[in-house]
Amino acid sequence: MKTNNRSIVCLSAVIAALATGCAVSVAPPVVDVAPPVAEVTVGVPDAYVWDGVEYVGFVGGQYMYLGPGGAWLVCGPVRLERFHGWERGHPDWRRTAIRNEGRNAHGRAPARRVKRNDDHR
């Protein structure tokens, strides 16, 4: 029994010595993730309309809405579906839309239309 106790004490001392000599510290890796960048398309529709919630226009094959700060942003699927629902009830919206007075999507100012005054006849 004496030998058995000595071997257990000796084995415990060896394990303790090995465990203290093998200290490993593991730090979690640092992951640097950039925040997602909002996709902003530069363009101003030639005409736009109020759909009861916000202004919506059509530029270069895409529907856009007037976002915060006066920037025109591409419509997401939820806004687009809501606008198409409104559009079903207002099929002539392009005819009655608000005409843009500033530069349009092509970077040009709209052509000036001079009203004719035919009262001189």
PDB file of N, CA and C in Angstrom:
ATOM      1  N   MET A   1       0.818  -1.178   0.000  1.00  0.00           N
ATOM      2  CA  MET A   1       0.000   0.000   0.000  1.00  0.00           C
ATOM      3  C   MET A   1       0.869   1.251   0.000  1.00  0.00           C
ATOM      4  N   LYS A   2       2.040   1.164   0.701  1.00  0.00           N
ATOM      5  CA  LYS A   2       2.947   2.299   0.724  1.00  0.00           C
ATOM      6  C   LYS A   2       3.440   2.619  -0.682  1.00  0.00           C
ATOM      7  N   THR A   3       3.736   1.622  -1.436  1.00  0.00           N
ATOM      8  CA  THR A   3       4.235   1.819  -2.793  1.00  0.00           C
ATOM      9  C   THR A   3       3.148   2.421  -3.679  1.00  0.00           C
ATOM     10  N   ASN A   4       1.974   1.981  -3.481  1.00  0.00           N
ATOM     11  CA  ASN A   4       0.856   2.486  -4.274  1.00  0.00           C
ATOM     12  C   ASN A   4       0.627   3.977  -3.987  1.00  0.00           C
ATOM     13  N   ASN A   5       0.679   4.408  -2.737  1.00  0.00           N
ATOM     14  CA  ASN A   5       0.501   5.808  -2.378  1.00  0.00           C
ATOM     15  C   ASN A   5       1.634   6.658  -2.900  1.00  0.00           C
ATOM     16  N   ARG A   6       2.882   6.127  -2.829  1.00  0.00           N
ATOM     17  CA  ARG A   6       4.031   6.867  -3.338  1.00  0.00           C
ATOM     18  C   ARG A   6       3.915   7.075  -4.844  1.00  0.00           C
ATOM     19  N   SER A   7       3.492   6.066  -5.554  1.00  0.00           N
ATOM     20  CA  SER A   7       3.388   6.201  -7.006  1.00  0.00           C
ATOM     21  C   SER A   7       2.277   7.189  -7.385  1.00  0.00           C
ATOM     22  N   ILE A   8       1.213   7.233  -6.611  1.00  0.00           N
ATOM     23  CA  ILE A   8       0.125   8.176  -6.891  1.00  0.00           C
ATOM     24  C   ILE A   8       0.599   9.600  -6.624  1.00  0.00           C
ATOM     25  N   VAL A   9       1.326   9.800  -5.512  1.00  0.00           N
ATOM     26  CA  VAL A   9       1.831  11.127  -5.186  1.00  0.00           C
ATOM     27  C   VAL A   9       2.851  11.554  -6.227  1.00  0.00           C
ATOM     28  N   CYS A  10       3.690  10.664  -6.634  1.00  0.00           N
ATOM     29  CA  CYS A  10       4.726  10.969  -7.620  1.00  0.00           C
ATOM     30  C   CYS A  10       4.081  11.284  -8.981  1.00  0.00           C
ATOM     31  N   LEU A  11       3.118  10.504  -9.365  1.00  0.00           N
ATOM     32  CA  LEU A  11       2.423  10.718 -10.631  1.00  0.00           C
ATOM     33  C   LEU A  11       1.668  12.058 -10.612  1.00  0.00           C
ATOM     34  N   SER A  12       1.077  12.403  -9.499  1.00  0.00           N
ATOM     35  CA  SER A  12       0.369  13.681  -9.366  1.00  0.00           C
ATOM     36  C   SER A  12       1.342  14.848  -9.484  1.00  0.00           C
ATOM     37  N   ALA A  13       2.540  14.703  -8.897  1.00  0.00           N
ATOM     38  CA  ALA A  13       3.535  15.768  -8.971  1.00  0.00           C
ATOM     39  C   ALA A  13       4.005  15.966 -10.408  1.00  0.00           C
ATOM     40  N   VAL A  14       4.208  14.867 -11.132  1.00  0.00           N
ATOM     41  CA  VAL A  14       4.650  14.958 -12.526  1.00  0.00           C
ATOM     42  C   VAL A  14       3.574  15.629 -13.388  1.00  0.00           C
ATOM     43  N   ILE A  15       2.333  15.263 -13.185  1.00  0.00           N
ATOM     44  CA  ILE A  15       1.226  15.847 -13.958  1.00  0.00           C
ATOM     45  C   ILE A  15       1.087  17.334 -13.642  1.00  0.00           C
ATOM     46  N   ALA A  16       1.230  17.694 -12.376  1.00  0.00           N
ATOM     47  CA  ALA A  16       1.142  19.093 -11.985  1.00  0.00           C
ATOM     48  C   ALA A  16       2.272  19.906 -12.608  1.00  0.00           C
ATOM     49  N   ALA A  17       3.478  19.336 -12.650  1.00  0.00           N
ATOM     50  CA  ALA A  17       4.624  20.039 -13.240  1.00  0.00           C
ATOM     51  C   ALA A  17       4.422  20.222 -14.738  1.00  0.00           C
ATOM     52  N   LEU A  18       3.894  19.212 -15.411  1.00  0.00           N
ATOM     53  CA  LEU A  18       3.659  19.322 -16.843  1.00  0.00           C
ATOM     54  C   LEU A  18       2.531  20.310 -17.155  1.00  0.00           C
ATOM     55  N   ALA A  19       1.511  20.315 -16.336  1.00  0.00           N
ATOM     56  CA  ALA A  19       0.364  21.184 -16.587  1.00  0.00           C
ATOM     57  C   ALA A  19       0.731  22.650 -16.412  1.00  0.00           C
ATOM     58  N   THR A  20       1.568  22.978 -15.446  1.00  0.00           N
ATOM     59  CA  THR A  20       1.939  24.376 -15.234  1.00  0.00           C
ATOM     60  C   THR A  20       2.933  24.849 -16.284  1.00  0.00           C
ATOM     61  N   GLY A  21       3.700  23.974 -16.849  1.00  0.00           N
ATOM     62  CA  GLY A  21       4.673  24.360 -17.870  1.00  0.00           C
ATOM     63  C   GLY A  21       4.050  24.518 -19.243  1.00  0.00           C
ATOM     64  N   CYS A  22       2.847  24.061 -19.455  1.00  0.00           N
ATOM     65  CA  CYS A  22       2.218  24.092 -20.773  1.00  0.00           C
ATOM     66  C   CYS A  22       1.022  25.048 -20.798  1.00  0.00           C
ATOM     67  N   ALA A  23       1.194  26.212 -20.241  1.00  0.00           N
ATOM     68  CA  ALA A  23       0.092  27.173 -20.224  1.00  0.00           C
ATOM     69  C   ALA A  23      -0.050  27.796 -21.608  1.00  0.00           C
ATOM     70  N   VAL A  24      -1.227  27.712 -22.176  1.00  0.00           N
ATOM     71  CA  VAL A  24      -1.500  28.262 -23.504  1.00  0.00           C
ATOM     72  C   VAL A  24      -2.660  29.239 -23.372  1.00  0.00           C
ATOM     73  N   SER A  25      -2.450  30.437 -23.865  1.00  0.00           N
ATOM     74  CA  SER A  25      -3.558  31.406 -23.850  1.00  0.00           C
ATOM     75  C   SER A  25      -4.064  31.575 -25.284  1.00  0.00           C
ATOM     76  N   VAL A  26      -5.341  31.463 -25.419  1.00  0.00           N
ATOM     77  CA  VAL A  26      -5.961  31.568 -26.737  1.00  0.00           C
ATOM     78  C   VAL A  26      -6.845  32.817 -26.740  1.00  0.00           C
ATOM     79  N   ALA A  27      -6.507  33.757 -27.610  1.00  0.00           N
ATOM     80  CA  ALA A  27      -7.307  34.976 -27.744  1.00  0.00           C
ATOM     81  C   ALA A  27      -8.249  34.797 -28.934  1.00  0.00           C
ATOM     82  N   PRO A  28      -9.465  35.254 -28.806  1.00  0.00           N
ATOM     83  CA  PRO A  28     -10.381  35.124 -29.943  1.00  0.00           C
ATOM     84  C   PRO A  28      -9.876  35.971 -31.113  1.00  0.00           C
ATOM     85  N   PRO A  29     -10.042  35.484 -32.324  1.00  0.00           N
ATOM     86  CA  PRO A  29      -9.569  36.255 -33.477  1.00  0.00           C
ATOM     87  C   PRO A  29     -10.396  37.531 -33.651  1.00  0.00           C
ATOM     88  N   VAL A  30      -9.739  38.581 -34.083  1.00  0.00           N
ATOM     89  CA  VAL A  30     -10.403  39.853 -34.303  1.00  0.00           C
ATOM     90  C   VAL A  30     -10.872  39.893 -35.757  1.00  0.00           C
ATOM     91  N   VAL A  31     -12.161  40.065 -35.926  1.00  0.00           N
ATOM     92  CA  VAL A  31     -12.726  40.119 -37.271  1.00  0.00           C
ATOM     93  C   VAL A  31     -13.175  41.547 -37.529  1.00  0.00           C
ATOM     94  N   ASP A  32     -12.628  42.157 -38.551  1.00  0.00           N
ATOM     95  CA  ASP A  32     -12.983  43.522 -38.905  1.00  0.00           C
ATOM     96  C   ASP A  32     -13.947  43.471 -40.080  1.00  0.00           C
ATOM     97  N   VAL A  33     -15.196  43.775 -39.801  1.00  0.00           N
ATOM     98  CA  VAL A  33     -16.229  43.726 -40.834  1.00  0.00           C
ATOM     99  C   VAL A  33     -16.695  45.145 -41.106  1.00  0.00           C
ATOM    100  N   ALA A  34     -16.620  45.546 -42.366  1.00  0.00           N
ATOM    101  CA  ALA A  34     -17.080  46.874 -42.747  1.00  0.00           C
ATOM    102  C   ALA A  34     -18.605  46.876 -42.805  1.00  0.00           C
ATOM    103  N   PRO A  35     -19.238  47.967 -42.394  1.00  0.00           N
ATOM    104  CA  PRO A  35     -20.701  48.027 -42.472  1.00  0.00           C
ATOM    105  C   PRO A  35     -21.140  48.014 -43.929  1.00  0.00           C
ATOM    106  N   PRO A  36     -22.315  47.469 -44.197  1.00  0.00           N
ATOM    107  CA  PRO A  36     -22.773  47.427 -45.585  1.00  0.00           C
ATOM    108  C   PRO A  36     -22.992  48.838 -46.132  1.00  0.00           C
ATOM    109  N   VAL A  37     -22.655  49.001 -47.377  1.00  0.00           N
ATOM    110  CA  VAL A  37     -22.779  50.297 -48.022  1.00  0.00           C
ATOM    111  C   VAL A  37     -24.116  50.343 -48.756  1.00  0.00           C
ATOM    112  N   ALA A  38     -24.864  51.399 -48.534  1.00  0.00           N
ATOM    113  CA  ALA A  38     -26.150  51.544 -49.212  1.00  0.00           C
ATOM    114  C   ALA A  38     -25.912  51.830 -50.687  1.00  0.00           C
ATOM    115  N   GLU A  39     -26.670  51.157 -51.528  1.00  0.00           N
ATOM    116  CA  GLU A  39     -26.543  51.368 -52.961  1.00  0.00           C
ATOM    117  C   GLU A  39     -27.391  52.570 -53.338  1.00  0.00           C
ATOM    118  N   VAL A  40     -26.722  53.599 -53.828  1.00  0.00           N
ATOM    119  CA  VAL A  40     -27.418  54.818 -54.225  1.00  0.00           C
ATOM    120  C   VAL A  40     -27.175  55.021 -55.711  1.00  0.00           C
ATOM    121  N   THR A  41     -28.221  55.139 -56.445  1.00  0.00           N
ATOM    122  CA  THR A  41     -28.113  55.394 -57.867  1.00  0.00           C
ATOM    123  C   THR A  41     -28.364  56.873 -58.093  1.00  0.00           C
ATOM    124  N   VAL A  42     -27.434  57.495 -58.805  1.00  0.00           N
ATOM    125  CA  VAL A  42     -27.588  58.914 -59.069  1.00  0.00           C
ATOM    126  C   VAL A  42     -28.550  59.064 -60.238  1.00  0.00           C
ATOM    127  N   GLY A  43     -29.526  59.847 -60.053  1.00  0.00           N
ATOM    128  CA  GLY A  43     -30.494  60.080 -61.111  1.00  0.00           C
ATOM    129  C   GLY A  43     -31.721  60.745 -60.527  1.00  0.00           C
ATOM    130  N   VAL A  44     -32.353  61.525 -61.340  1.00  0.00           N
ATOM    131  CA  VAL A  44     -33.578  62.191 -60.934  1.00  0.00           C
ATOM    132  C   VAL A  44     -34.591  61.909 -62.022  1.00  0.00           C
ATOM    133  N   PRO A  45     -35.758  61.443 -61.652  1.00  0.00           N
ATOM    134  CA  PRO A  45     -36.743  61.139 -62.688  1.00  0.00           C
ATOM    135  C   PRO A  45     -37.232  62.401 -63.397  1.00  0.00           C
ATOM    136  N   ASP A  46     -37.569  62.253 -64.672  1.00  0.00           N
ATOM    137  CA  ASP A  46     -38.134  63.374 -65.418  1.00  0.00           C
ATOM    138  C   ASP A  46     -39.503  63.740 -64.872  1.00  0.00           C
ATOM    139  N   ALA A  47     -40.217  62.723 -64.358  1.00  0.00           N
ATOM    140  CA  ALA A  47     -41.533  62.950 -63.772  1.00  0.00           C
ATOM    141  C   ALA A  47     -41.694  61.994 -62.595  1.00  0.00           C
ATOM    142  N   TYR A  48     -42.445  62.432 -61.588  1.00  0.00           N
ATOM    143  CA  TYR A  48     -42.682  61.593 -60.420  1.00  0.00           C
ATOM    144  C   TYR A  48     -44.075  61.863 -59.901  1.00  0.00           C
ATOM    145  N   VAL A  49     -44.546  60.980 -59.030  1.00  0.00           N
ATOM    146  CA  VAL A  49     -45.921  61.072 -58.553  1.00  0.00           C
ATOM    147  C   VAL A  49     -45.977  60.719 -57.070  1.00  0.00           C
ATOM    148  N   TRP A  50     -46.926  61.302 -56.372  1.00  0.00           N
ATOM    149  CA  TRP A  50     -47.183  60.972 -54.966  1.00  0.00           C
ATOM    150  C   TRP A  50     -48.162  59.812 -54.953  1.00  0.00           C
ATOM    151  N   ASP A  51     -47.756  58.674 -54.373  1.00  0.00           N
ATOM    152  CA  ASP A  51     -48.624  57.490 -54.390  1.00  0.00           C
ATOM    153  C   ASP A  51     -49.443  57.344 -53.105  1.00  0.00           C
ATOM    154  N   GLY A  52     -49.502  58.384 -52.325  1.00  0.00           N
ATOM    155  CA  GLY A  52     -50.238  58.333 -51.069  1.00  0.00           C
ATOM    156  C   GLY A  52     -49.343  58.080 -49.874  1.00  0.00           C
ATOM    157  N   VAL A  53     -48.113  57.650 -50.120  1.00  0.00           N
ATOM    158  CA  VAL A  53     -47.151  57.390 -49.049  1.00  0.00           C
ATOM    159  C   VAL A  53     -45.859  58.162 -49.291  1.00  0.00           C
ATOM    160  N   GLU A  54     -45.377  58.151 -50.534  1.00  0.00           N
ATOM    161  CA  GLU A  54     -44.125  58.829 -50.876  1.00  0.00           C
ATOM    162  C   GLU A  54     -44.084  59.116 -52.369  1.00  0.00           C
ATOM    163  N   TYR A  55     -43.088  59.903 -52.774  1.00  0.00           N
ATOM    164  CA  TYR A  55     -42.913  60.217 -54.190  1.00  0.00           C
ATOM    165  C   TYR A  55     -42.184  59.071 -54.874  1.00  0.00           C
ATOM    166  N   VAL A  56     -42.678  58.666 -56.043  1.00  0.00           N
ATOM    167  CA  VAL A  56     -42.088  57.571 -56.818  1.00  0.00           C
ATOM    168  C   VAL A  56     -41.962  58.034 -58.257  1.00  0.00           C
ATOM    169  N   GLY A  57     -40.825  57.710 -58.880  1.00  0.00           N
ATOM    170  CA  GLY A  57     -40.589  58.045 -60.284  1.00  0.00           C
ATOM    171  C   GLY A  57     -39.909  56.882 -60.982  1.00  0.00           C
ATOM    172  N   PHE A  58     -39.666  57.048 -62.279  1.00  0.00           N
ATOM    173  CA  PHE A  58     -39.080  55.989 -63.096  1.00  0.00           C
ATOM    174  C   PHE A  58     -37.846  56.550 -63.779  1.00  0.00           C
ATOM    175  N   VAL A  59     -36.670  55.915 -63.548  1.00  0.00           N
ATOM    176  CA  VAL A  59     -35.408  56.377 -64.123  1.00  0.00           C
ATOM    177  C   VAL A  59     -34.654  55.188 -64.679  1.00  0.00           C
ATOM    178  N   GLY A  60     -34.314  55.238 -65.950  1.00  0.00           N
ATOM    179  CA  GLY A  60     -33.438  54.228 -66.553  1.00  0.00           C
ATOM    180  C   GLY A  60     -33.889  52.800 -66.335  1.00  0.00           C
ATOM    181  N   GLY A  61     -35.158  52.524 -66.406  1.00  0.00           N
ATOM    182  CA  GLY A  61     -35.651  51.164 -66.234  1.00  0.00           C
ATOM    183  C   GLY A  61     -35.877  50.750 -64.790  1.00  0.00           C
ATOM    184  N   GLN A  62     -35.715  51.681 -63.846  1.00  0.00           N
ATOM    185  CA  GLN A  62     -35.901  51.361 -62.429  1.00  0.00           C
ATOM    186  C   GLN A  62     -36.858  52.358 -61.787  1.00  0.00           C
ATOM    187  N   TYR A  63     -37.682  51.844 -60.907  1.00  0.00           N
ATOM    188  CA  TYR A  63     -38.536  52.715 -60.109  1.00  0.00           C
ATOM    189  C   TYR A  63     -37.720  53.219 -58.928  1.00  0.00           C
ATOM    190  N   MET A  64     -37.845  54.512 -58.645  1.00  0.00           N
ATOM    191  CA  MET A  64     -37.093  55.124 -57.556  1.00  0.00           C
ATOM    192  C   MET A  64     -38.057  55.902 -56.667  1.00  0.00           C
ATOM    193  N   TYR A  65     -37.685  56.051 -55.399  1.00  0.00           N
ATOM    194  CA  TYR A  65     -38.482  56.833 -54.452  1.00  0.00           C
ATOM    195  C   TYR A  65     -37.618  57.919 -53.847  1.00  0.00           C
ATOM    196  N   LEU A  66     -38.273  58.966 -53.382  1.00  0.00           N
ATOM    197  CA  LEU A  66     -37.563  60.089 -52.779  1.00  0.00           C
ATOM    198  C   LEU A  66     -37.275  59.745 -51.332  1.00  0.00           C
ATOM    199  N   GLY A  67     -36.005  59.492 -51.030  1.00  0.00           N
ATOM    200  CA  GLY A  67     -35.596  59.062 -49.705  1.00  0.00           C
ATOM    201  C   GLY A  67     -35.236  60.231 -48.806  1.00  0.00           C
ATOM    202  N   PRO A  68     -34.628  59.924 -47.664  1.00  0.00           N
ATOM    203  CA  PRO A  68     -34.246  60.979 -46.720  1.00  0.00           C
ATOM    204  C   PRO A  68     -33.182  61.895 -47.319  1.00  0.00           C
ATOM    205  N   GLY A  69     -33.281  63.157 -47.012  1.00  0.00           N
ATOM    206  CA  GLY A  69     -32.308  64.123 -47.510  1.00  0.00           C
ATOM    207  C   GLY A  69     -32.542  64.509 -48.964  1.00  0.00           C
ATOM    208  N   GLY A  70     -33.657  64.094 -49.545  1.00  0.00           N
ATOM    209  CA  GLY A  70     -33.956  64.466 -50.923  1.00  0.00           C
ATOM    210  C   GLY A  70     -33.228  63.637 -51.965  1.00  0.00           C
ATOM    211  N   ALA A  71     -32.700  62.482 -51.587  1.00  0.00           N
ATOM    212  CA  ALA A  71     -31.990  61.616 -52.530  1.00  0.00           C
ATOM    213  C   ALA A  71     -32.959  60.606 -53.132  1.00  0.00           C
ATOM    214  N   TRP A  72     -32.833  60.355 -54.426  1.00  0.00           N
ATOM    215  CA  TRP A  72     -33.664  59.364 -55.097  1.00  0.00           C
ATOM    216  C   TRP A  72     -32.985  58.015 -54.974  1.00  0.00           C
ATOM    217  N   LEU A  73     -33.670  57.041 -54.396  1.00  0.00           N
ATOM    218  CA  LEU A  73     -33.131  55.708 -54.143  1.00  0.00           C
ATOM    219  C   LEU A  73     -33.948  54.662 -54.896  1.00  0.00           C
ATOM    220  N   VAL A  74     -33.308  53.543 -55.214  1.00  0.00           N
ATOM    221  CA  VAL A  74     -33.977  52.452 -55.925  1.00  0.00           C
ATOM    222  C   VAL A  74     -35.030  51.826 -55.018  1.00  0.00           C
ATOM    223  N   CYS A  75     -36.209  51.591 -55.553  1.00  0.00           N
ATOM    224  CA  CYS A  75     -37.302  50.981 -54.780  1.00  0.00           C
ATOM    225  C   CYS A  75     -36.983  49.517 -54.482  1.00  0.00           C
ATOM    226  N   GLY A  76     -37.195  49.117 -53.245  1.00  0.00           N
ATOM    227  CA  GLY A  76     -37.067  47.720 -52.859  1.00  0.00           C
ATOM    228  C   GLY A  76     -38.338  46.974 -53.246  1.00  0.00           C
ATOM    229  N   PRO A  77     -38.345  45.658 -53.065  1.00  0.00           N
ATOM    230  CA  PRO A  77     -39.510  44.869 -53.478  1.00  0.00           C
ATOM    231  C   PRO A  77     -40.802  45.247 -52.753  1.00  0.00           C
ATOM    232  N   VAL A  78     -40.730  45.630 -51.476  1.00  0.00           N
ATOM    233  CA  VAL A  78     -41.944  45.985 -50.726  1.00  0.00           C
ATOM    234  C   VAL A  78     -42.527  47.285 -51.263  1.00  0.00           C
ATOM    235  N   ARG A  79     -41.682  48.310 -51.443  1.00  0.00           N
ATOM    236  CA  ARG A  79     -42.160  49.588 -51.982  1.00  0.00           C
ATOM    237  C   ARG A  79     -42.678  49.424 -53.404  1.00  0.00           C
ATOM    238  N   LEU A  80     -41.972  48.629 -54.197  1.00  0.00           N
ATOM    239  CA  LEU A  80     -42.365  48.428 -55.585  1.00  0.00           C
ATOM    240  C   LEU A  80     -43.729  47.744 -55.681  1.00  0.00           C
ATOM    241  N   GLU A  81     -43.961  46.756 -54.833  1.00  0.00           N
ATOM    242  CA  GLU A  81     -45.252  46.062 -54.826  1.00  0.00           C
ATOM    243  C   GLU A  81     -46.375  47.009 -54.401  1.00  0.00           C
ATOM    244  N   ARG A  82     -46.117  47.858 -53.392  1.00  0.00           N
ATOM    245  CA  ARG A  82     -47.120  48.827 -52.966  1.00  0.00           C
ATOM    246  C   ARG A  82     -47.420  49.823 -54.079  1.00  0.00           C
ATOM    247  N   PHE A  83     -46.357  50.288 -54.770  1.00  0.00           N
ATOM    248  CA  PHE A  83     -46.567  51.250 -55.847  1.00  0.00           C
ATOM    249  C   PHE A  83     -47.334  50.620 -57.004  1.00  0.00           C
ATOM    250  N   HIS A  84     -47.007  49.384 -57.361  1.00  0.00           N
ATOM    251  CA  HIS A  84     -47.732  48.719 -58.451  1.00  0.00           C
ATOM    252  C   HIS A  84     -49.209  48.540 -58.082  1.00  0.00           C
ATOM    253  N   GLY A  85     -49.501  48.309 -56.825  1.00  0.00           N
ATOM    254  CA  GLY A  85     -50.889  48.242 -56.382  1.00  0.00           C
ATOM    255  C   GLY A  85     -51.586  49.581 -56.570  1.00  0.00           C
ATOM    256  N   TRP A  86     -50.893  50.665 -56.234  1.00  0.00           N
ATOM    257  CA  TRP A  86     -51.449  52.005 -56.438  1.00  0.00           C
ATOM    258  C   TRP A  86     -51.596  52.290 -57.926  1.00  0.00           C
ATOM    259  N   GLU A  87     -50.604  51.842 -58.702  1.00  0.00           N
ATOM    260  CA  GLU A  87     -50.583  52.093 -60.144  1.00  0.00           C
ATOM    261  C   GLU A  87     -51.761  51.421 -60.862  1.00  0.00           C
ATOM    262  N   ARG A  88     -52.206  50.274 -60.356  1.00  0.00           N
ATOM    263  CA  ARG A  88     -53.360  49.594 -60.959  1.00  0.00           C
ATOM    264  C   ARG A  88     -54.612  50.464 -60.911  1.00  0.00           C
ATOM    265  N   GLY A  89     -54.737  51.238 -59.867  1.00  0.00           N
ATOM    266  CA  GLY A  89     -55.884  52.135 -59.740  1.00  0.00           C
ATOM    267  C   GLY A  89     -55.682  53.476 -60.430  1.00  0.00           C
ATOM    268  N   HIS A  90     -54.450  53.773 -60.848  1.00  0.00           N
ATOM    269  CA  HIS A  90     -54.124  55.051 -61.497  1.00  0.00           C
ATOM    270  C   HIS A  90     -53.281  54.784 -62.739  1.00  0.00           C
ATOM    271  N   PRO A  91     -53.848  54.168 -63.778  1.00  0.00           N
ATOM    272  CA  PRO A  91     -53.038  53.806 -64.951  1.00  0.00           C
ATOM    273  C   PRO A  91     -52.518  55.019 -65.725  1.00  0.00           C
ATOM    274  N   ASP A  92     -53.104  56.192 -65.554  1.00  0.00           N
ATOM    275  CA  ASP A  92     -52.643  57.379 -66.281  1.00  0.00           C
ATOM    276  C   ASP A  92     -51.699  58.245 -65.441  1.00  0.00           C
ATOM    277  N   TRP A  93     -50.996  57.650 -64.494  1.00  0.00           N
ATOM    278  CA  TRP A  93     -50.174  58.426 -63.576  1.00  0.00           C
ATOM    279  C   TRP A  93     -49.063  59.183 -64.285  1.00  0.00           C
ATOM    280  N   ARG A  94     -48.562  58.669 -65.394  1.00  0.00           N
ATOM    281  CA  ARG A  94     -47.480  59.374 -66.101  1.00  0.00           C
ATOM    282  C   ARG A  94     -47.989  60.677 -66.726  1.00  0.00           C
ATOM    283  N   ARG A  95     -49.233  60.683 -67.139  1.00  0.00           N
ATOM    284  CA  ARG A  95     -49.809  61.878 -67.751  1.00  0.00           C
ATOM    285  C   ARG A  95     -50.021  62.970 -66.716  1.00  0.00           C
ATOM    286  N   THR A  96     -50.379  62.581 -65.498  1.00  0.00           N
ATOM    287  CA  THR A  96     -50.671  63.557 -64.450  1.00  0.00           C
ATOM    288  C   THR A  96     -49.511  63.755 -63.476  1.00  0.00           C
ATOM    289  N   ALA A  97     -48.352  63.171 -63.765  1.00  0.00           N
ATOM    290  CA  ALA A  97     -47.213  63.234 -62.846  1.00  0.00           C
ATOM    291  C   ALA A  97     -46.616  64.640 -62.798  1.00  0.00           C
ATOM    292  N   ILE A  98     -45.871  64.903 -61.741  1.00  0.00           N
ATOM    293  CA  ILE A  98     -45.178  66.175 -61.551  1.00  0.00           C
ATOM    294  C   ILE A  98     -43.941  66.162 -62.435  1.00  0.00           C
ATOM    295  N   ARG A  99     -43.773  67.167 -63.247  1.00  0.00           N
ATOM    296  CA  ARG A  99     -42.604  67.259 -64.131  1.00  0.00           C
ATOM    297  C   ARG A  99     -41.418  67.828 -63.354  1.00  0.00           C
ATOM    298  N   ASN A 100     -40.249  67.268 -63.581  1.00  0.00           N
ATOM    299  CA  ASN A 100     -39.050  67.707 -62.888  1.00  0.00           C
ATOM    300  C   ASN A 100     -38.562  69.017 -63.493  1.00  0.00           C
ATOM    301  N   GLU A 101     -38.294  69.995 -62.644  1.00  0.00           N
ATOM    302  CA  GLU A 101     -37.817  71.295 -63.099  1.00  0.00           C
ATOM    303  C   GLU A 101     -36.295  71.362 -63.173  1.00  0.00           C
ATOM    304  N   GLY A 102     -35.608  70.512 -62.421  1.00  0.00           N
ATOM    305  CA  GLY A 102     -34.145  70.549 -62.380  1.00  0.00           C
ATOM    306  C   GLY A 102     -33.532  69.619 -63.410  1.00  0.00           C
ATOM    307  N   ARG A 103     -32.317  69.215 -63.159  1.00  0.00           N
ATOM    308  CA  ARG A 103     -31.632  68.307 -64.073  1.00  0.00           C
ATOM    309  C   ARG A 103     -32.229  66.918 -63.965  1.00  0.00           C
ATOM    310  N   ASN A 104     -32.330  66.255 -65.098  1.00  0.00           N
ATOM    311  CA  ASN A 104     -32.943  64.934 -65.119  1.00  0.00           C
ATOM    312  C   ASN A 104     -31.883  63.848 -65.013  1.00  0.00           C
ATOM    313  N   ALA A 105     -32.258  62.613 -65.260  1.00  0.00           N
ATOM    314  CA  ALA A 105     -31.343  61.487 -65.110  1.00  0.00           C
ATOM    315  C   ALA A 105     -30.198  61.534 -66.111  1.00  0.00           C
ATOM    316  N   HIS A 106     -30.384  62.256 -67.213  1.00  0.00           N
ATOM    317  CA  HIS A 106     -29.339  62.349 -68.228  1.00  0.00           C
ATOM    318  C   HIS A 106     -28.406  63.527 -67.978  1.00  0.00           C
ATOM    319  N   GLY A 107     -28.635  64.272 -66.902  1.00  0.00           N
ATOM    320  CA  GLY A 107     -27.786  65.411 -66.566  1.00  0.00           C
ATOM    321  C   GLY A 107     -28.140  66.670 -67.323  1.00  0.00           C
ATOM    322  N   ARG A 108     -29.246  66.662 -68.023  1.00  0.00           N
ATOM    323  CA  ARG A 108     -29.648  67.833 -68.799  1.00  0.00           C
ATOM    324  C   ARG A 108     -30.851  68.494 -68.154  1.00  0.00           C
ATOM    325  N   ALA A 109     -30.916  69.781 -68.322  1.00  0.00           N
ATOM    326  CA  ALA A 109     -32.098  70.501 -67.869  1.00  0.00           C
ATOM    327  C   ALA A 109     -33.215  70.220 -68.865  1.00  0.00           C
ATOM    328  N   PRO A 110     -34.443  70.170 -68.400  1.00  0.00           N
ATOM    329  CA  PRO A 110     -35.536  69.905 -69.337  1.00  0.00           C
ATOM    330  C   PRO A 110     -35.673  71.029 -70.357  1.00  0.00           C
ATOM    331  N   ALA A 111     -36.160  70.657 -71.525  1.00  0.00           N
ATOM    332  CA  ALA A 111     -36.344  71.647 -72.594  1.00  0.00           C
ATOM    333  C   ALA A 111     -37.404  72.651 -72.170  1.00  0.00           C
ATOM    334  N   ARG A 112     -37.158  73.904 -72.468  1.00  0.00           N
ATOM    335  CA  ARG A 112     -38.130  74.945 -72.117  1.00  0.00           C
ATOM    336  C   ARG A 112     -39.212  74.963 -73.175  1.00  0.00           C
ATOM    337  N   ARG A 113     -40.404  75.009 -72.724  1.00  0.00           N
ATOM    338  CA  ARG A 113     -41.536  75.090 -73.638  1.00  0.00           C
ATOM    339  C   ARG A 113     -42.168  76.462 -73.462  1.00  0.00           C
ATOM    340  N   VAL A 114     -42.232  77.150 -74.544  1.00  0.00           N
ATOM    341  CA  VAL A 114     -42.813  78.488 -74.520  1.00  0.00           C
ATOM    342  C   VAL A 114     -44.245  78.369 -74.999  1.00  0.00           C
ATOM    343  N   LYS A 115     -45.162  78.880 -74.206  1.00  0.00           N
ATOM    344  CA  LYS A 115     -46.555  78.866 -74.611  1.00  0.00           C
ATOM    345  C   LYS A 115     -46.775  79.883 -75.723  1.00  0.00           C
ATOM    346  N   ARG A 116     -47.447  79.412 -76.716  1.00  0.00           N
ATOM    347  CA  ARG A 116     -47.735  80.303 -77.835  1.00  0.00           C
ATOM    348  C   ARG A 116     -48.908  81.209 -77.474  1.00  0.00           C
ATOM    349  N   ASN A 117     -48.792  82.416 -77.879  1.00  0.00           N
ATOM    350  CA  ASN A 117     -49.863  83.367 -77.661  1.00  0.00           C
ATOM    351  C   ASN A 117     -50.453  83.694 -79.034  1.00  0.00           C
ATOM    352  N   ASP A 118     -51.533  83.058 -79.363  1.00  0.00           N
ATOM    353  CA  ASP A 118     -52.160  83.249 -80.664  1.00  0.00           C
ATOM    354  C   ASP A 118     -53.251  84.322 -80.629  1.00  0.00           C
ATOM    355  N   ASP A 119     -53.209  85.186 -79.626  1.00  0.00           N
ATOM    356  CA  ASP A 119     -54.221  86.226 -79.520  1.00  0.00           C
ATOM    357  C   ASP A 119     -53.973  87.371 -80.488  1.00  0.00           C
ATOM    358  N   HIS A 120     -52.807  87.409 -81.130  1.00  0.00           N
ATOM    359  CA  HIS A 120     -52.479  88.527 -81.998  1.00  0.00           C
ATOM    360  C   HIS A 120     -53.179  88.441 -83.348  1.00  0.00           C
ATOM    361  N   ARG A 121     -53.885  87.425 -83.652  1.00  0.00           N
ATOM    362  CA  ARG A 121     -54.550  87.297 -84.956  1.00  0.00           C
ATOM    363  C   ARG A 121     -55.697  88.203 -85.074  1.00  0.00           C
TER     364      ARG A 121
END
